[in-house]
Structures are given as C-alpha cells and as structure tokens.
Amino acid sequence: MGNSFEDRLVRRLAGLREERALSLEELATQSGISRATLSRLERGETSPTAEMLGKLCAVYGMPMSRLIAEVEQAPVQLIRRAEQAEWHDPASGFVRRMVSPPARGFAAELVEGRLPPGAVIDYAQPPVRGLEQHMWMLSGVLDYTIDGATHRLQEGDCLRFHLYGATRFSCPGPDAAHYLITLCEP
C-alpha cells in the first residue's frame, strides 16, 4: 500500500478498529457491513463508498470530514484549491471536497458536495448525534431527507439543522446537485 490519500484513509480505518479493540466480526455487526467487505477494505482491495464511510464513522462516533481530516497533512490557515482533499465515491459518483477541513482550534468545517443526476446516498444514522449543519445550494436540485421529511433544495436555498436520525441525499437531475455544508460539532 502506498501513501496516496486513499491508502492513508484505509490505514486510518484499520487503525480506528484496532484502537477500539474491535474484531472484524464485531465491526461488521455494529456497522452492518459484511466481514468480508471490511477485510477487503482494510487490505486495500476495494474502495470505500460514501455509505460505507458513513456507517463506519457512526460506529466510531466521528463525522466523515473528521476521518478525512485525520489522514490529511498538518492543518494550515490558507488552504489553496489544489490542496483541498477530494474524495470520489465509486458507487454513486458523489464528490466531496474538504474546502476548510476540521482542525485543532476550529469548531466548524466547510465541505463542498457534488451529486450526479440520479444518484442517491443513504446514511442510516449520523456520525455524531446533534451535529449542526448548514447546507447551501449552489446549483442544481437536491432532495434531502432528514428525520423522514424531504426538503427540495434549489440554487440559493439554505437548510440548517441538528442531525439526529437517518438522512438521504437524492439528485433528481437533470443537472448535478452542487452544495456547500458547514458542520459544527455539538
């Protein structure tokens, strides 16, 4: 395994499991991801999807952005576009860019998302209960379901909430949903 972002991400996931003294079986039970898939993931034989990362972050009690930040280099004040980590979900085509990643001494982070037309991502539970989020639509349409209520977000709309339950991101098209999310840990 090399030192690419994905390689570091996979190593961090394995490290989190080891730090918590969880067997693959225990993690499979808690996350709902099969033991075989978790094993392939830790060996770098498969790429994690957004859904997988969401489930693992829920087990570890951390936002996905915090996980991603942990595999990044040391935090700086100015984060140039070329230095902002991007992660691509191979299953949905979702692209997540860490515009302002979590860092020591900062309570908020800023994440850019692009969800292609027709794509759907479900998260069964939040990584951290009560996580404050502000979602601002830059372009396209996003049907965002939180606590069983679906909000159709269009360019310029802002939805703010505290996250406690399952969520669904769905892009009805015809264009990609492009948005920014500010996250603040409770």
C-alpha atoms as a PDB file:
ATOM      1  CA  MET A   1       0.000   0.000   0.000  1.00  0.00           C
ATOM      2  CA  GLY A   2       1.354   3.435  -0.944  1.00  0.00           C
ATOM      3  CA  ASN A   3       0.946   6.886   0.503  1.00  0.00           C
ATOM      4  CA  SER A   4      -1.975   8.134  -1.600  1.00  0.00           C
ATOM      5  CA  PHE A   5      -4.934   9.743   0.139  1.00  0.00           C
ATOM      6  CA  GLU A   6      -6.994   6.552  -0.273  1.00  0.00           C
ATOM      7  CA  ASP A   7      -4.167   4.396   1.086  1.00  0.00           C
ATOM      8  CA  ARG A   8      -3.898   6.633   4.170  1.00  0.00           C
ATOM      9  CA  LEU A   9      -7.700   6.541   4.567  1.00  0.00           C
ATOM     10  CA  VAL A  10      -7.750   2.738   4.505  1.00  0.00           C
ATOM     11  CA  ARG A  11      -4.886   2.572   7.033  1.00  0.00           C
ATOM     12  CA  ARG A  12      -6.722   5.016   9.326  1.00  0.00           C
ATOM     13  CA  LEU A  13      -9.905   2.925   9.174  1.00  0.00           C
ATOM     14  CA  ALA A  14      -7.925  -0.156  10.176  1.00  0.00           C
ATOM     15  CA  GLY A  15      -6.255   1.856  12.942  1.00  0.00           C
ATOM     16  CA  LEU A  16      -9.597   3.042  14.325  1.00  0.00           C
ATOM     17  CA  ARG A  17     -10.811  -0.547  14.547  1.00  0.00           C
ATOM     18  CA  GLU A  18      -7.608  -1.615  16.311  1.00  0.00           C
ATOM     19  CA  GLU A  19      -7.710   1.373  18.734  1.00  0.00           C
ATOM     20  CA  ARG A  20     -11.177   0.264  19.805  1.00  0.00           C
ATOM     21  CA  ALA A  21     -10.098  -3.384  20.040  1.00  0.00           C
ATOM     22  CA  LEU A  22     -12.868  -4.461  17.669  1.00  0.00           C
ATOM     23  CA  SER A  23     -12.637  -7.676  15.715  1.00  0.00           C
ATOM     24  CA  LEU A  24     -13.798  -7.643  12.094  1.00  0.00           C
ATOM     25  CA  GLU A  25     -16.847  -9.620  13.259  1.00  0.00           C
ATOM     26  CA  GLU A  26     -17.736  -7.031  15.906  1.00  0.00           C
ATOM     27  CA  LEU A  27     -17.278  -4.157  13.454  1.00  0.00           C
ATOM     28  CA  ALA A  28     -19.403  -5.985  10.883  1.00  0.00           C
ATOM     29  CA  THR A  29     -22.193  -6.404  13.424  1.00  0.00           C
ATOM     30  CA  GLN A  30     -22.054  -2.777  14.568  1.00  0.00           C
ATOM     31  CA  SER A  31     -21.745  -1.261  11.078  1.00  0.00           C
ATOM     32  CA  GLY A  32     -23.923  -3.571   9.020  1.00  0.00           C
ATOM     33  CA  ILE A  33     -21.042  -4.077   6.552  1.00  0.00           C
ATOM     34  CA  SER A  34     -20.049  -7.669   5.874  1.00  0.00           C
ATOM     35  CA  ARG A  35     -16.890  -9.035   7.457  1.00  0.00           C
ATOM     36  CA  ALA A  36     -15.555  -9.970   4.009  1.00  0.00           C
ATOM     37  CA  THR A  37     -16.062  -6.436   2.686  1.00  0.00           C
ATOM     38  CA  LEU A  38     -14.367  -4.938   5.748  1.00  0.00           C
ATOM     39  CA  SER A  39     -11.439  -7.306   5.322  1.00  0.00           C
ATOM     40  CA  ARG A  40     -11.062  -6.396   1.609  1.00  0.00           C
ATOM     41  CA  LEU A  41     -11.299  -2.710   2.540  1.00  0.00           C
ATOM     42  CA  GLU A  42      -8.531  -2.933   5.147  1.00  0.00           C
ATOM     43  CA  ARG A  43      -6.305  -4.804   2.673  1.00  0.00           C
ATOM     44  CA  GLY A  44      -6.866  -2.046   0.085  1.00  0.00           C
ATOM     45  CA  GLU A  45      -8.589  -4.427  -2.326  1.00  0.00           C
ATOM     46  CA  THR A  46     -11.768  -2.309  -2.528  1.00  0.00           C
ATOM     47  CA  SER A  47     -12.511   1.396  -2.272  1.00  0.00           C
ATOM     48  CA  PRO A  48     -14.837   2.648   0.467  1.00  0.00           C
ATOM     49  CA  THR A  49     -18.170   4.099  -0.663  1.00  0.00           C
ATOM     50  CA  ALA A  50     -19.864   7.097   0.969  1.00  0.00           C
ATOM     51  CA  GLU A  51     -22.403   4.735   2.526  1.00  0.00           C
ATOM     52  CA  MET A  52     -19.636   2.532   3.969  1.00  0.00           C
ATOM     53  CA  LEU A  53     -17.751   5.507   5.384  1.00  0.00           C
ATOM     54  CA  GLY A  54     -20.987   6.819   6.888  1.00  0.00           C
ATOM     55  CA  LYS A  55     -21.628   3.524   8.653  1.00  0.00           C
ATOM     56  CA  LEU A  56     -18.057   3.234   9.919  1.00  0.00           C
ATOM     57  CA  CYS A  57     -17.996   6.842  11.130  1.00  0.00           C
ATOM     58  CA  ALA A  58     -21.234   6.203  13.018  1.00  0.00           C
ATOM     59  CA  VAL A  59     -19.597   3.254  14.811  1.00  0.00           C
ATOM     60  CA  TYR A  60     -16.544   5.388  15.616  1.00  0.00           C
ATOM     61  CA  GLY A  61     -18.647   8.424  16.622  1.00  0.00           C
ATOM     62  CA  MET A  62     -16.989  10.874  14.255  1.00  0.00           C
ATOM     63  CA  PRO A  63     -18.096  12.944  11.252  1.00  0.00           C
ATOM     64  CA  MET A  64     -16.774  11.719   7.903  1.00  0.00           C
ATOM     65  CA  SER A  65     -14.957  15.006   7.472  1.00  0.00           C
ATOM     66  CA  ARG A  66     -13.057  14.408  10.731  1.00  0.00           C
ATOM     67  CA  LEU A  67     -11.989  10.981   9.465  1.00  0.00           C
ATOM     68  CA  ILE A  68     -10.818  12.506   6.194  1.00  0.00           C
ATOM     69  CA  ALA A  69      -9.007  15.294   8.052  1.00  0.00           C
ATOM     70  CA  GLU A  70      -7.133  12.738  10.131  1.00  0.00           C
ATOM     71  CA  VAL A  71      -5.473  11.352   7.024  1.00  0.00           C
ATOM     72  CA  GLU A  72      -4.508  14.793   5.739  1.00  0.00           C
ATOM     73  CA  GLN A  73      -1.269  16.597   6.436  1.00  0.00           C
ATOM     74  CA  ALA A  74      -0.869  19.196   9.240  1.00  0.00           C
ATOM     75  CA  PRO A  75      -3.533  21.976   9.252  1.00  0.00           C
ATOM     76  CA  VAL A  76      -2.748  25.416   7.814  1.00  0.00           C
ATOM     77  CA  GLN A  77      -4.630  28.727   7.741  1.00  0.00           C
ATOM     78  CA  LEU A  78      -4.732  29.161   3.957  1.00  0.00           C
ATOM     79  CA  ILE A  79      -5.964  26.120   2.089  1.00  0.00           C
ATOM     80  CA  ARG A  80      -5.459  26.618  -1.629  1.00  0.00           C
ATOM     81  CA  ARG A  81      -7.812  24.887  -4.067  1.00  0.00           C
ATOM     82  CA  ALA A  82      -5.087  22.483  -5.154  1.00  0.00           C
ATOM     83  CA  GLU A  83      -4.557  21.462  -1.506  1.00  0.00           C
ATOM     84  CA  GLN A  84      -8.206  20.728  -0.714  1.00  0.00           C
ATOM     85  CA  ALA A  85      -8.676  16.987  -0.450  1.00  0.00           C
ATOM     86  CA  GLU A  86     -11.286  15.460  -2.737  1.00  0.00           C
ATOM     87  CA  TRP A  87     -12.847  12.093  -2.285  1.00  0.00           C
ATOM     88  CA  HIS A  88     -14.826  10.317  -5.018  1.00  0.00           C
ATOM     89  CA  ASP A  89     -17.446   7.700  -4.143  1.00  0.00           C
ATOM     90  CA  PRO A  90     -17.049   4.948  -6.741  1.00  0.00           C
ATOM     91  CA  ALA A  91     -20.605   3.675  -6.177  1.00  0.00           C
ATOM     92  CA  SER A  92     -22.602   6.899  -6.598  1.00  0.00           C
ATOM     93  CA  GLY A  93     -20.231   9.285  -8.364  1.00  0.00           C
ATOM     94  CA  PHE A  94     -20.500  11.655  -5.374  1.00  0.00           C
ATOM     95  CA  VAL A  95     -17.543  14.037  -4.983  1.00  0.00           C
ATOM     96  CA  ARG A  96     -16.734  15.526  -1.576  1.00  0.00           C
ATOM     97  CA  ARG A  97     -14.144  18.311  -1.311  1.00  0.00           C
ATOM     98  CA  MET A  98     -12.803  19.489   2.039  1.00  0.00           C
ATOM     99  CA  VAL A  99     -12.814  23.259   1.474  1.00  0.00           C
ATOM    100  CA  SER A 100     -11.979  24.015   5.124  1.00  0.00           C
ATOM    101  CA  PRO A 101     -11.231  20.729   6.872  1.00  0.00           C
ATOM    102  CA  PRO A 102     -11.570  20.175  10.604  1.00  0.00           C
ATOM    103  CA  ALA A 103      -8.540  21.280  12.544  1.00  0.00           C
ATOM    104  CA  ARG A 104      -7.478  21.721  16.134  1.00  0.00           C
ATOM    105  CA  GLY A 105      -8.777  25.022  17.489  1.00  0.00           C
ATOM    106  CA  PHE A 106     -11.596  25.353  14.920  1.00  0.00           C
ATOM    107  CA  ALA A 107     -15.176  24.267  15.681  1.00  0.00           C
ATOM    108  CA  ALA A 108     -16.541  24.430  12.114  1.00  0.00           C
ATOM    109  CA  GLU A 109     -15.591  22.935   8.795  1.00  0.00           C
ATOM    110  CA  LEU A 110     -16.751  23.569   5.233  1.00  0.00           C
ATOM    111  CA  VAL A 111     -17.443  20.761   2.761  1.00  0.00           C
ATOM    112  CA  GLU A 112     -18.388  21.007  -0.915  1.00  0.00           C
ATOM    113  CA  GLY A 113     -20.535  18.247  -2.399  1.00  0.00           C
ATOM    114  CA  ARG A 114     -21.433  17.331  -5.966  1.00  0.00           C
ATOM    115  CA  LEU A 115     -24.001  14.594  -6.501  1.00  0.00           C
ATOM    116  CA  PRO A 116     -24.631  13.500 -10.103  1.00  0.00           C
ATOM    117  CA  PRO A 117     -28.165  13.267 -11.535  1.00  0.00           C
ATOM    118  CA  GLY A 118     -29.963  10.103 -10.411  1.00  0.00           C
ATOM    119  CA  ALA A 119     -27.549   9.407  -7.557  1.00  0.00           C
ATOM    120  CA  VAL A 120     -28.816   8.555  -4.074  1.00  0.00           C
ATOM    121  CA  ILE A 121     -26.836   8.210  -0.836  1.00  0.00           C
ATOM    122  CA  ASP A 122     -28.436   6.944   2.381  1.00  0.00           C
ATOM    123  CA  TYR A 123     -26.955   7.302   5.842  1.00  0.00           C
ATOM    124  CA  ALA A 124     -28.721   5.168   8.458  1.00  0.00           C
ATOM    125  CA  GLN A 125     -27.537   7.310  11.355  1.00  0.00           C
ATOM    126  CA  PRO A 126     -25.428  10.394  11.953  1.00  0.00           C
ATOM    127  CA  PRO A 127     -21.771  10.001  12.825  1.00  0.00           C
ATOM    128  CA  VAL A 128     -22.291  12.323  15.799  1.00  0.00           C
ATOM    129  CA  ARG A 129     -25.753  12.952  17.261  1.00  0.00           C
ATOM    130  CA  GLY A 130     -26.714  16.621  17.297  1.00  0.00           C
ATOM    131  CA  LEU A 131     -24.158  17.630  14.666  1.00  0.00           C
ATOM    132  CA  GLU A 132     -25.082  21.145  13.479  1.00  0.00           C
ATOM    133  CA  GLN A 133     -25.176  21.580   9.705  1.00  0.00           C
ATOM    134  CA  HIS A 134     -25.920  24.433   7.314  1.00  0.00           C
ATOM    135  CA  MET A 135     -26.445  23.288   3.707  1.00  0.00           C
ATOM    136  CA  TRP A 136     -26.339  25.958   0.974  1.00  0.00           C
ATOM    137  CA  MET A 137     -27.286  25.001  -2.588  1.00  0.00           C
ATOM    138  CA  LEU A 138     -25.001  26.482  -5.235  1.00  0.00           C
ATOM    139  CA  SER A 139     -26.700  24.910  -8.259  1.00  0.00           C
ATOM    140  CA  GLY A 140     -28.947  22.041  -9.326  1.00  0.00           C
ATOM    141  CA  VAL A 141     -31.624  20.400  -7.199  1.00  0.00           C
ATOM    142  CA  LEU A 142     -31.181  18.170  -4.162  1.00  0.00           C
ATOM    143  CA  ASP A 143     -33.905  16.246  -2.363  1.00  0.00           C
ATOM    144  CA  TYR A 144     -32.565  15.999   1.171  1.00  0.00           C
ATOM    145  CA  THR A 145     -34.456  13.808   3.627  1.00  0.00           C
ATOM    146  CA  ILE A 146     -33.860  14.303   7.326  1.00  0.00           C
ATOM    147  CA  ASP A 147     -35.951  12.751  10.088  1.00  0.00           C
ATOM    148  CA  GLY A 148     -38.441  11.490   7.484  1.00  0.00           C
ATOM    149  CA  ALA A 149     -39.107  14.932   5.950  1.00  0.00           C
ATOM    150  CA  THR A 150     -37.871  15.636   2.428  1.00  0.00           C
ATOM    151  CA  HIS A 151     -36.712  19.129   1.558  1.00  0.00           C
ATOM    152  CA  ARG A 152     -36.280  20.060  -2.098  1.00  0.00           C
ATOM    153  CA  LEU A 153     -33.323  22.431  -2.199  1.00  0.00           C
ATOM    154  CA  GLN A 154     -32.631  24.640  -5.194  1.00  0.00           C
ATOM    155  CA  GLU A 155     -29.998  27.251  -6.029  1.00  0.00           C
ATOM    156  CA  GLY A 156     -29.608  29.751  -3.201  1.00  0.00           C
ATOM    157  CA  ASP A 157     -31.633  27.766  -0.630  1.00  0.00           C
ATOM    158  CA  CYS A 158     -30.111  27.139   2.800  1.00  0.00           C
ATOM    159  CA  LEU A 159     -31.246  24.367   5.146  1.00  0.00           C
ATOM    160  CA  ARG A 160     -29.931  24.397   8.716  1.00  0.00           C
ATOM    161  CA  PHE A 161     -30.490  21.687  11.278  1.00  0.00           C
ATOM    162  CA  HIS A 162     -29.099  19.472  14.006  1.00  0.00           C
ATOM    163  CA  LEU A 163     -28.607  15.923  12.811  1.00  0.00           C
ATOM    164  CA  TYR A 164     -30.105  13.114  14.898  1.00  0.00           C
ATOM    165  CA  GLY A 165     -31.504  10.472  12.519  1.00  0.00           C
ATOM    166  CA  ALA A 166     -31.197   8.881   9.115  1.00  0.00           C
ATOM    167  CA  THR A 167     -30.607  11.059   6.051  1.00  0.00           C
ATOM    168  CA  ARG A 168     -30.898  10.679   2.298  1.00  0.00           C
ATOM    169  CA  PHE A 169     -29.267  12.726  -0.438  1.00  0.00           C
ATOM    170  CA  SER A 170     -31.007  12.355  -3.811  1.00  0.00           C
ATOM    171  CA  CYS A 171     -30.335  14.303  -7.005  1.00  0.00           C
ATOM    172  CA  PRO A 172     -33.365  14.239  -9.328  1.00  0.00           C
ATOM    173  CA  GLY A 173     -31.434  15.992 -12.127  1.00  0.00           C
ATOM    174  CA  PRO A 174     -31.224  16.982 -14.858  1.00  0.00           C
ATOM    175  CA  ASP A 175     -28.046  18.659 -13.543  1.00  0.00           C
ATOM    176  CA  ALA A 176     -25.748  17.678 -10.693  1.00  0.00           C
ATOM    177  CA  ALA A 177     -26.567  18.946  -7.208  1.00  0.00           C
ATOM    178  CA  HIS A 178     -23.764  21.257  -6.076  1.00  0.00           C
ATOM    179  CA  TYR A 179     -23.753  22.492  -2.478  1.00  0.00           C
ATOM    180  CA  LEU A 180     -21.690  23.592   0.498  1.00  0.00           C
ATOM    181  CA  ILE A 181     -22.182  22.258   4.010  1.00  0.00           C
ATOM    182  CA  THR A 182     -20.858  23.861   7.174  1.00  0.00           C
ATOM    183  CA  LEU A 183     -20.523  21.353  10.019  1.00  0.00           C
ATOM    184  CA  CYS A 184     -20.164  22.246  13.696  1.00  0.00           C
ATOM    185  CA  GLU A 185     -19.696  19.529  16.276  1.00  0.00           C
ATOM    186  CA  PRO A 186     -22.073  19.776  19.253  1.00  0.00           C
END
